[in-house]
Amino acid sequence: MRNGLIENVLHLWNNMPRYDFYNTETGELVEYTMSWRDLDDFKLNNPHLKQQVSAPQIVGGTGDRVKTDAGFKEVLSKVGSKFPDSPLDKRYNSQSVKDIKTREIVKKHVDIQNKKK
């Protein structure tokens, strides 16, 4: 039970917003972690600290945890089939040996025809 409680507290603490303040007395930039509700009281009790505006730190999906679902893969497969020999087609549509050889021969003859012009 105690381990779960500690994990919950740490999770809440790590997900609390962090605010940057400039200390007018020392010239330091200091970071404080607190809830949004406590921010106003903190500012009133610490008039020598001026809040600094900074960009929010938003974390999206990371690395291997973001996966394309089957429905979207099907859409990408259909788009790829409309554009043969594109990277999207190669990635989401399996190609038979016959298709690959046919495309190579067509490309070869197109190149020959373009050289004649």
Protein backbone atom coordinates (compact mmCIF):
# COMPACT_ATOMS: atom_id res chain seq x y z
CA MET A 1 0.00 0.00 0.00
CA ARG A 2 2.78 2.43 0.94
CA ASN A 3 4.63 1.84 -2.36
CA GLY A 4 1.47 2.61 -4.35
CA LEU A 5 0.93 5.81 -2.36
CA ILE A 6 4.49 6.97 -3.01
CA GLU A 7 4.12 6.22 -6.72
CA ASN A 8 0.85 8.23 -6.85
CA VAL A 9 2.44 11.20 -5.09
CA LEU A 10 5.46 11.11 -7.39
CA HIS A 11 3.18 10.88 -10.44
CA LEU A 12 1.18 13.90 -9.28
CA TRP A 13 4.34 15.86 -8.43
CA ASN A 14 5.95 15.11 -11.81
CA ASN A 15 2.79 16.19 -13.62
CA MET A 16 2.42 19.47 -11.72
CA PRO A 17 3.07 22.62 -13.72
CA ARG A 18 6.46 24.25 -13.32
CA TYR A 19 6.79 28.02 -13.22
CA ASP A 20 9.89 30.13 -13.78
CA PHE A 21 10.45 33.14 -11.55
CA TYR A 22 13.08 35.86 -11.69
CA ASN A 23 14.39 36.79 -8.25
CA THR A 24 14.87 40.57 -8.28
CA GLU A 25 17.05 40.45 -5.15
CA THR A 26 19.60 37.89 -6.36
CA GLY A 27 19.15 38.06 -10.14
CA GLU A 28 18.58 34.30 -10.34
CA LEU A 29 16.03 32.48 -12.45
CA VAL A 30 14.34 29.85 -10.25
CA GLU A 31 11.84 27.11 -11.12
CA TYR A 32 8.98 26.23 -8.76
CA THR A 33 6.51 23.35 -9.00
CA MET A 34 2.99 24.00 -7.77
CA SER A 35 -0.64 23.72 -8.73
CA TRP A 36 -2.30 26.48 -10.67
CA ARG A 37 -4.53 27.24 -7.66
CA ASP A 38 -1.49 27.91 -5.46
CA LEU A 39 0.19 30.19 -7.99
CA ASP A 40 -1.67 33.40 -7.05
CA ASP A 41 -1.00 32.96 -3.32
CA PHE A 42 2.66 32.24 -4.04
CA LYS A 43 2.97 35.46 -6.07
CA LEU A 44 1.35 37.50 -3.27
CA ASN A 45 3.62 36.01 -0.60
CA ASN A 46 6.79 36.49 -2.69
CA PRO A 47 6.71 39.99 -4.21
CA HIS A 48 10.46 39.86 -4.97
CA LEU A 49 9.80 37.02 -7.48
CA LYS A 50 8.51 37.99 -10.94
CA GLN A 51 7.00 35.24 -13.05
CA GLN A 52 8.72 34.68 -16.38
CA VAL A 53 6.69 33.62 -19.38
CA SER A 54 7.98 30.46 -21.01
CA ALA A 55 6.79 27.96 -23.59
CA PRO A 56 4.69 25.10 -22.24
CA GLN A 57 6.38 21.72 -22.18
CA ILE A 58 3.94 19.41 -23.92
CA VAL A 59 4.85 15.78 -24.48
CA GLY A 60 3.14 13.82 -27.23
CA GLY A 61 3.59 10.19 -28.12
CA THR A 62 7.08 8.82 -27.84
CA GLY A 63 9.01 6.38 -30.00
CA ASP A 64 7.63 2.90 -30.36
CA ARG A 65 4.49 3.58 -28.34
CA VAL A 66 2.81 5.36 -31.24
CA LYS A 67 1.46 2.79 -33.67
CA THR A 68 -0.59 3.21 -36.81
CA ASP A 69 -3.94 1.46 -36.43
CA ALA A 70 -5.26 -0.98 -39.03
CA GLY A 71 -7.87 1.40 -40.46
CA PHE A 72 -5.32 4.09 -41.20
CA LYS A 73 -2.94 1.51 -42.69
CA GLU A 74 -5.73 0.51 -45.07
CA VAL A 75 -6.20 4.13 -46.14
CA LEU A 76 -2.45 4.49 -46.73
CA SER A 77 -2.51 1.27 -48.74
CA LYS A 78 -5.27 2.61 -51.00
CA VAL A 79 -3.45 5.92 -51.49
CA GLY A 80 -0.24 4.05 -52.27
CA SER A 81 -1.96 1.89 -54.87
CA LYS A 82 -3.10 5.04 -56.70
CA PHE A 83 0.57 6.10 -56.96
CA PRO A 84 2.46 3.00 -58.07
CA ASP A 85 6.18 2.84 -57.37
CA SER A 86 5.92 5.59 -54.75
CA PRO A 87 7.53 5.11 -51.31
CA LEU A 88 4.04 4.88 -49.80
CA ASP A 89 3.09 2.12 -52.24
CA LYS A 90 6.29 0.21 -51.53
CA ARG A 91 5.78 0.45 -47.79
CA TYR A 92 2.09 -0.48 -47.48
CA ASN A 93 1.47 -2.70 -50.51
CA SER A 94 3.25 -5.95 -51.11
CA GLN A 95 4.66 -6.28 -54.60
CA SER A 96 4.98 -9.53 -56.47
CA VAL A 97 8.12 -10.37 -58.40
CA LYS A 98 6.11 -10.06 -61.62
CA ASP A 99 5.06 -6.46 -60.73
CA ILE A 100 8.63 -5.48 -59.89
CA LYS A 101 10.05 -6.96 -63.14
CA THR A 102 7.27 -5.38 -65.22
CA ARG A 103 8.00 -1.95 -63.75
CA GLU A 104 11.72 -2.37 -64.40
CA ILE A 105 11.11 -3.26 -68.07
CA VAL A 106 8.68 -0.36 -68.54
CA LYS A 107 11.19 2.03 -66.98
CA LYS A 108 13.94 0.68 -69.22
CA HIS A 109 11.87 1.23 -72.39
CA VAL A 110 10.77 4.70 -71.27
CA ASP A 111 14.44 5.61 -70.80
CA ILE A 112 15.29 4.24 -74.27
CA GLN A 113 12.45 6.25 -75.86
CA ASN A 114 13.54 9.43 -74.07
CA LYS A 115 17.14 9.02 -75.30
CA LYS A 116 15.91 8.85 -78.94
CA LYS A 117 14.22 12.26 -78.64
